[in-house]
Amino acid sequence: MKVKKLGVLASLAVVAASFCGAANAAQVTWEDTIDFGAGREVTPWSPAVYTHDITTADAGGFKVGQDTVSSYYLTLDLYDDNDKATEIALFSDPGNLVAGVWSDLSGVEGVKGTILGRWLLEDTGHLTVAISSLLGDFYLGSSTLSVKGTSVPEPATLALFGAALLGFGLIRRKRLEA
């Protein structure tokens, strides 16, 4: 009889250990895309300033104060309206006033994130970016923010797991007394 109880207890321990692995932090990627439709015109007098939000369900549901950010990458779709010979785009990222300067506006440009940008994302879940024109005008088609980091389970999930283990322990104790 004791061997059977020991086998059940060992099985419960294996199941509990498998749940412990799920309670650890996991690598996650949050992604937010802003589509400007037909394109937003950017001129020297009309810069594009907008904010990415990774806290929404569509972006993956970043939890401020719980999840952490390790890096991010911003992809911009810039295109020229071909009305001038030279057009120059300037991109500013938090902590880097001149994160990117492009004169060939024929597609996708990318920018690696800064330490200040990572801090802002981790602190608020939002990243405000600005694109302006140094010369000429062009269009911004879309902007995609990809954020890599770790997601930690909510404390309620861990509490529920702890309550389940306590319940298993009480059931075992009651069976041993009977």
C-alpha atoms as a PDB file:
ATOM      1  CA  MET A   1       0.000   0.000   0.000  1.00  0.00           C
ATOM      2  CA  LYS A   2       2.836   2.375   0.847  1.00  0.00           C
ATOM      3  CA  VAL A   3       4.447   1.739  -2.548  1.00  0.00           C
ATOM      4  CA  LYS A   4       1.230   2.825  -4.305  1.00  0.00           C
ATOM      5  CA  LYS A   5       1.053   6.048  -2.269  1.00  0.00           C
ATOM      6  CA  LEU A   6       4.710   6.720  -2.991  1.00  0.00           C
ATOM      7  CA  GLY A   7       4.042   6.282  -6.734  1.00  0.00           C
ATOM      8  CA  VAL A   8       1.116   8.731  -6.626  1.00  0.00           C
ATOM      9  CA  LEU A   9       3.227  11.226  -4.697  1.00  0.00           C
ATOM     10  CA  ALA A  10       6.066  10.892  -7.221  1.00  0.00           C
ATOM     11  CA  SER A  11       3.610  11.437 -10.088  1.00  0.00           C
ATOM     12  CA  LEU A  12       2.273  14.583  -8.421  1.00  0.00           C
ATOM     13  CA  ALA A  13       5.834  15.844  -7.933  1.00  0.00           C
ATOM     14  CA  VAL A  14       6.606  15.347 -11.641  1.00  0.00           C
ATOM     15  CA  VAL A  15       3.414  17.218 -12.627  1.00  0.00           C
ATOM     16  CA  ALA A  16       4.257  20.061 -10.204  1.00  0.00           C
ATOM     17  CA  ALA A  17       7.792  20.314 -11.568  1.00  0.00           C
ATOM     18  CA  SER A  18       6.464  20.602 -15.119  1.00  0.00           C
ATOM     19  CA  PHE A  19       4.297  23.538 -14.048  1.00  0.00           C
ATOM     20  CA  CYS A  20       7.306  25.244 -12.444  1.00  0.00           C
ATOM     21  CA  GLY A  21       8.965  25.530 -15.852  1.00  0.00           C
ATOM     22  CA  ALA A  22       5.922  27.381 -17.170  1.00  0.00           C
ATOM     23  CA  ALA A  23       6.155  29.903 -14.329  1.00  0.00           C
ATOM     24  CA  ASN A  24       9.571  31.192 -15.432  1.00  0.00           C
ATOM     25  CA  ALA A  25      10.128  34.288 -17.562  1.00  0.00           C
ATOM     26  CA  ALA A  26       9.816  33.651 -21.297  1.00  0.00           C
ATOM     27  CA  GLN A  27      11.373  35.416 -24.296  1.00  0.00           C
ATOM     28  CA  VAL A  28       8.684  37.408 -26.109  1.00  0.00           C
ATOM     29  CA  THR A  29       8.445  39.740 -29.112  1.00  0.00           C
ATOM     30  CA  TRP A  30       5.871  42.533 -29.103  1.00  0.00           C
ATOM     31  CA  GLU A  31       5.110  44.226 -32.424  1.00  0.00           C
ATOM     32  CA  ASP A  32       3.133  47.350 -33.244  1.00  0.00           C
ATOM     33  CA  THR A  33       2.527  48.575 -36.806  1.00  0.00           C
ATOM     34  CA  ILE A  34       1.117  51.949 -37.760  1.00  0.00           C
ATOM     35  CA  ASP A  35      -0.128  52.070 -41.348  1.00  0.00           C
ATOM     36  CA  PHE A  36      -0.525  55.549 -42.797  1.00  0.00           C
ATOM     37  CA  GLY A  37      -2.648  54.245 -45.686  1.00  0.00           C
ATOM     38  CA  ALA A  38      -1.881  56.208 -48.841  1.00  0.00           C
ATOM     39  CA  GLY A  39       1.071  57.731 -47.016  1.00  0.00           C
ATOM     40  CA  ARG A  40       1.647  60.663 -44.767  1.00  0.00           C
ATOM     41  CA  GLU A  41       3.419  63.548 -46.440  1.00  0.00           C
ATOM     42  CA  VAL A  42       6.504  64.790 -44.599  1.00  0.00           C
ATOM     43  CA  THR A  43       7.944  68.216 -45.405  1.00  0.00           C
ATOM     44  CA  PRO A  44      10.465  70.515 -43.690  1.00  0.00           C
ATOM     45  CA  TRP A  45       7.467  72.345 -42.121  1.00  0.00           C
ATOM     46  CA  SER A  46       5.343  69.273 -41.384  1.00  0.00           C
ATOM     47  CA  PRO A  47       7.222  66.451 -39.616  1.00  0.00           C
ATOM     48  CA  ALA A  48       5.568  63.131 -38.753  1.00  0.00           C
ATOM     49  CA  VAL A  49       5.376  62.598 -34.993  1.00  0.00           C
ATOM     50  CA  TYR A  50       3.512  59.519 -33.742  1.00  0.00           C
ATOM     51  CA  THR A  51       3.539  57.012 -30.892  1.00  0.00           C
ATOM     52  CA  HIS A  52       3.832  53.223 -30.943  1.00  0.00           C
ATOM     53  CA  ASP A  53       1.951  51.382 -28.175  1.00  0.00           C
ATOM     54  CA  ILE A  54       2.950  47.787 -27.312  1.00  0.00           C
ATOM     55  CA  THR A  55       0.501  47.490 -24.395  1.00  0.00           C
ATOM     56  CA  THR A  56      -2.461  46.737 -26.667  1.00  0.00           C
ATOM     57  CA  ALA A  57      -3.674  43.191 -27.269  1.00  0.00           C
ATOM     58  CA  ASP A  58      -2.900  43.549 -30.996  1.00  0.00           C
ATOM     59  CA  ALA A  59       0.752  44.300 -30.184  1.00  0.00           C
ATOM     60  CA  GLY A  60       1.079  41.351 -27.793  1.00  0.00           C
ATOM     61  CA  GLY A  61      -0.015  42.922 -24.507  1.00  0.00           C
ATOM     62  CA  PHE A  62       3.185  44.240 -22.913  1.00  0.00           C
ATOM     63  CA  LYS A  63       2.624  44.628 -19.158  1.00  0.00           C
ATOM     64  CA  VAL A  64       4.245  47.790 -17.759  1.00  0.00           C
ATOM     65  CA  GLY A  65       6.084  47.146 -14.476  1.00  0.00           C
ATOM     66  CA  GLN A  66       6.125  43.402 -15.058  1.00  0.00           C
ATOM     67  CA  ASP A  67       7.662  42.681 -18.482  1.00  0.00           C
ATOM     68  CA  THR A  68      11.175  43.778 -19.452  1.00  0.00           C
ATOM     69  CA  VAL A  69      12.636  45.125 -22.719  1.00  0.00           C
ATOM     70  CA  SER A  70      16.023  43.897 -23.960  1.00  0.00           C
ATOM     71  CA  SER A  71      16.067  45.529 -27.441  1.00  0.00           C
ATOM     72  CA  TYR A  72      13.901  47.034 -30.142  1.00  0.00           C
ATOM     73  CA  TYR A  73      14.056  47.731 -33.856  1.00  0.00           C
ATOM     74  CA  LEU A  74      12.025  50.268 -35.832  1.00  0.00           C
ATOM     75  CA  THR A  75      11.276  49.713 -39.522  1.00  0.00           C
ATOM     76  CA  LEU A  76      10.074  52.653 -41.640  1.00  0.00           C
ATOM     77  CA  ASP A  77       8.542  52.542 -45.113  1.00  0.00           C
ATOM     78  CA  LEU A  78       9.627  55.813 -46.762  1.00  0.00           C
ATOM     79  CA  TYR A  79       9.011  56.635 -50.398  1.00  0.00           C
ATOM     80  CA  ASP A  80       9.623  59.597 -52.639  1.00  0.00           C
ATOM     81  CA  ASP A  81       7.016  61.406 -54.729  1.00  0.00           C
ATOM     82  CA  ASN A  82       9.763  62.145 -57.337  1.00  0.00           C
ATOM     83  CA  ASP A  83       8.991  65.848 -57.571  1.00  0.00           C
ATOM     84  CA  LYS A  84      12.544  67.001 -56.687  1.00  0.00           C
ATOM     85  CA  ALA A  85      16.028  65.779 -57.411  1.00  0.00           C
ATOM     86  CA  THR A  86      17.218  65.580 -53.791  1.00  0.00           C
ATOM     87  CA  GLU A  87      15.191  64.781 -50.700  1.00  0.00           C
ATOM     88  CA  ILE A  88      16.633  63.958 -47.300  1.00  0.00           C
ATOM     89  CA  ALA A  89      14.786  62.330 -44.381  1.00  0.00           C
ATOM     90  CA  LEU A  90      15.869  62.709 -40.750  1.00  0.00           C
ATOM     91  CA  PHE A  91      14.747  60.251 -38.092  1.00  0.00           C
ATOM     92  CA  SER A  92      15.024  61.027 -34.358  1.00  0.00           C
ATOM     93  CA  ASP A  93      14.862  58.361 -31.667  1.00  0.00           C
ATOM     94  CA  PRO A  94      14.814  58.986 -27.878  1.00  0.00           C
ATOM     95  CA  GLY A  95      18.417  59.444 -26.802  1.00  0.00           C
ATOM     96  CA  ASN A  96      19.661  59.865 -30.377  1.00  0.00           C
ATOM     97  CA  LEU A  97      18.737  63.132 -32.088  1.00  0.00           C
ATOM     98  CA  VAL A  98      20.039  61.909 -35.454  1.00  0.00           C
ATOM     99  CA  ALA A  99      19.319  58.175 -35.473  1.00  0.00           C
ATOM    100  CA  GLY A 100      19.044  57.997 -39.240  1.00  0.00           C
ATOM    101  CA  VAL A 101      19.544  60.221 -42.270  1.00  0.00           C
ATOM    102  CA  TRP A 102      18.448  58.873 -45.653  1.00  0.00           C
ATOM    103  CA  SER A 103      18.550  60.373 -49.121  1.00  0.00           C
ATOM    104  CA  ASP A 104      17.462  57.300 -51.108  1.00  0.00           C
ATOM    105  CA  LEU A 105      13.789  57.113 -50.170  1.00  0.00           C
ATOM    106  CA  SER A 106      12.843  54.018 -52.111  1.00  0.00           C
ATOM    107  CA  GLY A 107      11.672  51.556 -49.515  1.00  0.00           C
ATOM    108  CA  VAL A 108      12.238  50.178 -46.065  1.00  0.00           C
ATOM    109  CA  GLU A 109      14.728  51.725 -43.665  1.00  0.00           C
ATOM    110  CA  GLY A 110      15.587  50.331 -40.255  1.00  0.00           C
ATOM    111  CA  VAL A 111      16.883  51.735 -36.993  1.00  0.00           C
ATOM    112  CA  LYS A 112      18.197  49.870 -33.950  1.00  0.00           C
ATOM    113  CA  GLY A 113      16.894  51.200 -30.621  1.00  0.00           C
ATOM    114  CA  THR A 114      18.670  53.229 -27.952  1.00  0.00           C
ATOM    115  CA  ILE A 115      19.057  52.718 -24.206  1.00  0.00           C
ATOM    116  CA  LEU A 116      16.721  55.648 -23.477  1.00  0.00           C
ATOM    117  CA  GLY A 117      14.142  54.222 -25.901  1.00  0.00           C
ATOM    118  CA  ARG A 118      14.320  50.836 -24.147  1.00  0.00           C
ATOM    119  CA  TRP A 119      13.809  52.548 -20.796  1.00  0.00           C
ATOM    120  CA  LEU A 120      10.784  54.490 -22.107  1.00  0.00           C
ATOM    121  CA  LEU A 121       9.237  51.318 -23.537  1.00  0.00           C
ATOM    122  CA  GLU A 122       9.760  49.425 -20.297  1.00  0.00           C
ATOM    123  CA  ASP A 123       8.447  52.333 -18.180  1.00  0.00           C
ATOM    124  CA  THR A 124       5.376  53.251 -20.285  1.00  0.00           C
ATOM    125  CA  GLY A 125       4.926  50.722 -23.111  1.00  0.00           C
ATOM    126  CA  HIS A 126       4.998  53.640 -25.587  1.00  0.00           C
ATOM    127  CA  LEU A 127       7.644  54.999 -27.961  1.00  0.00           C
ATOM    128  CA  THR A 128       7.211  58.393 -29.648  1.00  0.00           C
ATOM    129  CA  VAL A 129       9.214  58.877 -32.836  1.00  0.00           C
ATOM    130  CA  ALA A 130       9.707  61.827 -35.171  1.00  0.00           C
ATOM    131  CA  ILE A 131      10.550  61.870 -38.869  1.00  0.00           C
ATOM    132  CA  SER A 132      11.252  65.162 -40.572  1.00  0.00           C
ATOM    133  CA  SER A 133      12.568  66.399 -43.890  1.00  0.00           C
ATOM    134  CA  LEU A 134      15.854  68.252 -44.166  1.00  0.00           C
ATOM    135  CA  LEU A 135      15.296  68.826 -47.871  1.00  0.00           C
ATOM    136  CA  GLY A 136      12.269  68.241 -50.107  1.00  0.00           C
ATOM    137  CA  ASP A 137       9.193  66.188 -49.289  1.00  0.00           C
ATOM    138  CA  PHE A 138       8.422  62.470 -49.143  1.00  0.00           C
ATOM    139  CA  TYR A 139       5.834  60.026 -47.809  1.00  0.00           C
ATOM    140  CA  LEU A 140       5.778  57.751 -44.782  1.00  0.00           C
ATOM    141  CA  GLY A 141       3.805  54.605 -45.632  1.00  0.00           C
ATOM    142  CA  SER A 142       4.097  52.647 -42.388  1.00  0.00           C
ATOM    143  CA  SER A 143       6.139  52.196 -39.234  1.00  0.00           C
ATOM    144  CA  THR A 144       6.706  48.894 -37.428  1.00  0.00           C
ATOM    145  CA  LEU A 145       8.167  48.595 -33.945  1.00  0.00           C
ATOM    146  CA  SER A 146       9.511  45.154 -32.913  1.00  0.00           C
ATOM    147  CA  VAL A 147      10.412  44.834 -29.237  1.00  0.00           C
ATOM    148  CA  LYS A 148      12.211  41.840 -27.734  1.00  0.00           C
ATOM    149  CA  GLY A 149      12.157  41.117 -24.028  1.00  0.00           C
ATOM    150  CA  THR A 150      10.962  38.808 -21.301  1.00  0.00           C
ATOM    151  CA  SER A 151       7.480  38.296 -19.944  1.00  0.00           C
ATOM    152  CA  VAL A 152       7.103  37.245 -16.317  1.00  0.00           C
ATOM    153  CA  PRO A 153       3.926  35.452 -15.224  1.00  0.00           C
ATOM    154  CA  GLU A 154       1.471  37.476 -13.199  1.00  0.00           C
ATOM    155  CA  PRO A 155       1.638  37.061  -9.403  1.00  0.00           C
ATOM    156  CA  ALA A 156      -1.938  35.730  -9.464  1.00  0.00           C
ATOM    157  CA  THR A 157      -0.814  32.849 -11.696  1.00  0.00           C
ATOM    158  CA  LEU A 158       1.932  31.938  -9.246  1.00  0.00           C
ATOM    159  CA  ALA A 159      -0.498  32.229  -6.314  1.00  0.00           C
ATOM    160  CA  LEU A 160      -2.943  29.882  -8.069  1.00  0.00           C
ATOM    161  CA  PHE A 161      -0.136  27.395  -8.658  1.00  0.00           C
ATOM    162  CA  GLY A 162       0.858  27.626  -4.974  1.00  0.00           C
ATOM    163  CA  ALA A 163      -2.755  27.045  -3.902  1.00  0.00           C
ATOM    164  CA  ALA A 164      -2.919  23.926  -6.086  1.00  0.00           C
ATOM    165  CA  LEU A 165       0.251  22.542  -4.485  1.00  0.00           C
ATOM    166  CA  LEU A 166      -1.169  23.287  -1.032  1.00  0.00           C
ATOM    167  CA  GLY A 167      -4.354  21.427  -1.982  1.00  0.00           C
ATOM    168  CA  PHE A 168      -2.356  18.397  -3.120  1.00  0.00           C
ATOM    169  CA  GLY A 169      -0.474  18.441   0.179  1.00  0.00           C
ATOM    170  CA  LEU A 170      -3.703  18.611   2.221  1.00  0.00           C
ATOM    171  CA  ILE A 171      -5.262  15.760   0.237  1.00  0.00           C
ATOM    172  CA  ARG A 172      -2.147  13.649   0.817  1.00  0.00           C
ATOM    173  CA  ARG A 173      -2.158  14.435   4.523  1.00  0.00           C
ATOM    174  CA  LYS A 174      -5.842  13.561   4.852  1.00  0.00           C
ATOM    175  CA  ARG A 175      -5.250  10.228   3.079  1.00  0.00           C
ATOM    176  CA  LEU A 176      -2.329   9.399   5.348  1.00  0.00           C
ATOM    177  CA  GLU A 177      -4.449  10.087   8.466  1.00  0.00           C
ATOM    178  CA  ALA A 178      -7.284   7.868   7.241  1.00  0.00           C
END
